[in-house]
C-alpha cells in the first residue's frame, strides 16, 4: 500500500488491509490533524481492501468530524461501491458524485451482510 498527497488530498494505492492499516491510519490522522476543510481520499489506485481497511476509513471519517473536517471518497472502485451500498455506509460517508444502489449491477446486500457478519471481508477487483 502507498499513500501520497498532503493535508487536502491523499491518493491510496495497492492493498488496504491488516498489514497496511497502521501506516494508513497514521497518514490519514496526520493529514486530518494538520489541514482544514475537506480531505479528499482518492481510491482510484486501490487494488483491494479488507474489513480492517474499511475500519481505517470509518475511523478517519469519525476523526474528520471531530476535527471539523469532512472525509470525501473519490474514485471508489465498483467492488468497493457495492460493499458500501450493501452495508449502507454510502449513506454515512461523503462520496464524490454519490452512489446509488440501483446503479450498481450485481449488488447483493444479503450476501455482503453474511460475509461481514462472519468477519471475513475481502474485496478484490
Protein backbone atom coordinates (compact mmCIF):
# COMPACT_ATOMS: atom_id res chain seq x y z
CA UNK A 1 0.00 0.00 0.00
CA UNK A 2 1.16 3.52 -0.71
CA UNK A 3 -0.34 6.88 0.18
CA UNK A 4 0.70 10.09 -1.50
CA UNK A 5 -0.52 13.62 -1.03
CA UNK A 6 -0.94 16.29 1.58
CA UNK A 7 -3.44 17.55 4.14
CA UNK A 8 -6.05 18.31 1.41
CA UNK A 9 -5.89 15.24 -0.85
CA UNK A 10 -4.42 11.76 -0.46
CA UNK A 11 -4.20 9.04 -3.12
CA UNK A 12 -4.22 5.44 -1.88
CA UNK A 13 -2.86 2.61 -3.99
CA UNK A 14 -2.25 -1.09 -3.54
CA UNK A 15 -3.92 -3.05 -0.74
CA UNK A 16 -5.54 -1.51 2.31
CA UNK A 17 -5.60 -4.43 4.72
CA UNK A 18 -4.49 -5.60 8.14
CA UNK A 19 -0.81 -5.36 7.14
CA UNK A 20 -1.04 -1.76 5.97
CA UNK A 21 -3.70 -0.48 8.39
CA UNK A 22 -1.35 1.12 10.93
CA UNK A 23 0.56 3.10 8.29
CA UNK A 24 -2.67 4.16 6.57
CA UNK A 25 -4.21 5.23 9.88
CA UNK A 26 -1.15 7.30 10.76
CA UNK A 27 -1.12 9.04 7.36
CA UNK A 28 -4.85 9.79 7.45
CA UNK A 29 -4.80 11.07 11.03
CA UNK A 30 -1.80 13.28 10.32
CA UNK A 31 -3.47 14.77 7.23
CA UNK A 32 -6.72 15.36 9.14
CA UNK A 33 -4.99 16.95 12.12
CA UNK A 34 -2.79 19.26 10.01
CA UNK A 35 -5.29 20.58 7.47
CA UNK A 36 -8.55 22.46 7.07
CA UNK A 37 -11.66 21.81 5.01
CA UNK A 38 -12.37 18.60 3.14
CA UNK A 39 -9.79 15.81 2.94
CA UNK A 40 -10.25 14.02 -0.38
CA UNK A 41 -9.23 10.35 -0.32
CA UNK A 42 -8.67 9.18 -3.90
CA UNK A 43 -9.16 5.41 -4.08
CA UNK A 44 -8.68 5.05 -7.84
CA UNK A 45 -5.42 3.11 -7.38
CA UNK A 46 -6.72 0.83 -4.62
CA UNK A 47 -6.41 -2.86 -5.60
CA UNK A 48 -8.17 -4.42 -2.61
CA UNK A 49 -9.24 -3.86 0.96
CA UNK A 50 -10.45 -5.97 3.86
CA UNK A 51 -12.52 -5.30 6.98
CA UNK A 52 -9.53 -3.68 8.69
CA UNK A 53 -9.13 -1.30 5.75
CA UNK A 54 -12.79 -0.39 5.95
CA UNK A 55 -12.30 0.24 9.67
CA UNK A 56 -9.43 2.62 8.91
CA UNK A 57 -11.66 4.60 6.54
CA UNK A 58 -14.52 4.72 9.06
CA UNK A 59 -12.10 5.79 11.81
CA UNK A 60 -10.79 8.57 9.57
CA UNK A 61 -14.38 9.61 8.86
CA UNK A 62 -15.07 9.89 12.62
CA UNK A 63 -11.81 11.76 13.26
CA UNK A 64 -12.60 14.17 10.43
CA UNK A 65 -15.89 15.01 12.13
CA UNK A 66 -14.15 15.60 15.46
CA UNK A 67 -11.65 17.97 13.81
CA UNK A 68 -14.36 19.91 11.98
CA UNK A 69 -13.43 18.42 8.63
CA UNK A 70 -15.05 16.04 6.18
CA UNK A 71 -13.52 12.94 4.57
CA UNK A 72 -14.58 12.70 0.92
CA UNK A 73 -14.01 9.50 -1.05
CA UNK A 74 -13.13 9.87 -4.74
CA UNK A 75 -12.72 7.22 -7.43
CA UNK A 76 -14.35 4.44 -5.41
CA UNK A 77 -13.83 1.19 -7.39
CA UNK A 78 -17.02 -0.75 -8.32
CA UNK A 79 -16.48 -3.64 -5.89
CA UNK A 80 -15.97 -1.20 -3.05
CA UNK A 81 -19.08 0.71 -4.13
CA UNK A 82 -21.13 -2.48 -3.91
CA UNK A 83 -19.85 -3.19 -0.40
CA UNK A 84 -20.55 0.37 0.74
CA UNK A 85 -24.11 0.10 -0.59
CA UNK A 86 -24.62 -3.38 0.89
CA UNK A 87 -23.51 -2.19 4.32
CA UNK A 88 -25.34 1.14 3.88
CA UNK A 89 -22.13 3.02 4.62
CA UNK A 90 -22.71 5.02 1.43
CA UNK A 91 -25.35 6.86 3.47
CA UNK A 92 -22.78 7.89 6.09
CA UNK A 93 -19.62 8.53 4.07
CA UNK A 94 -19.21 11.51 1.74
CA UNK A 95 -18.62 10.08 -1.74
CA UNK A 96 -17.78 12.37 -4.63
CA UNK A 97 -20.57 12.00 -7.18
CA UNK A 98 -22.56 9.83 -4.76
CA UNK A 99 -23.60 6.19 -5.13
CA UNK A 100 -26.98 4.73 -5.89
CA UNK A 101 -27.78 1.09 -5.13
CA UNK A 102 -29.80 0.77 -8.33
CA UNK A 103 -26.84 1.82 -10.47
CA UNK A 104 -24.59 -0.99 -9.20
CA UNK A 105 -25.28 -4.25 -11.01
CA UNK A 106 -24.50 -7.33 -9.02
CA UNK A 107 -25.13 -5.75 -5.63
CA UNK A 108 -26.37 -8.38 -3.24
CA UNK A 109 -26.83 -6.82 0.22
CA UNK A 110 -27.71 -10.15 1.84
CA UNK A 111 -24.53 -11.83 0.60
CA UNK A 112 -22.41 -8.89 1.75
CA UNK A 113 -24.08 -8.85 5.17
CA UNK A 114 -23.38 -12.57 5.59
CA UNK A 115 -19.77 -12.09 4.64
CA UNK A 116 -19.36 -9.16 7.01
CA UNK A 117 -21.04 -10.97 9.89
CA UNK A 118 -18.54 -13.84 9.58
CA UNK A 119 -15.73 -11.29 9.97
CA UNK A 120 -14.03 -12.16 6.71
CA UNK A 121 -14.42 -9.32 4.23
CA UNK A 122 -12.02 -9.11 1.35
CA UNK A 123 -12.95 -7.24 -1.78
CA UNK A 124 -10.75 -7.69 -4.85
CA UNK A 125 -11.14 -6.46 -8.38
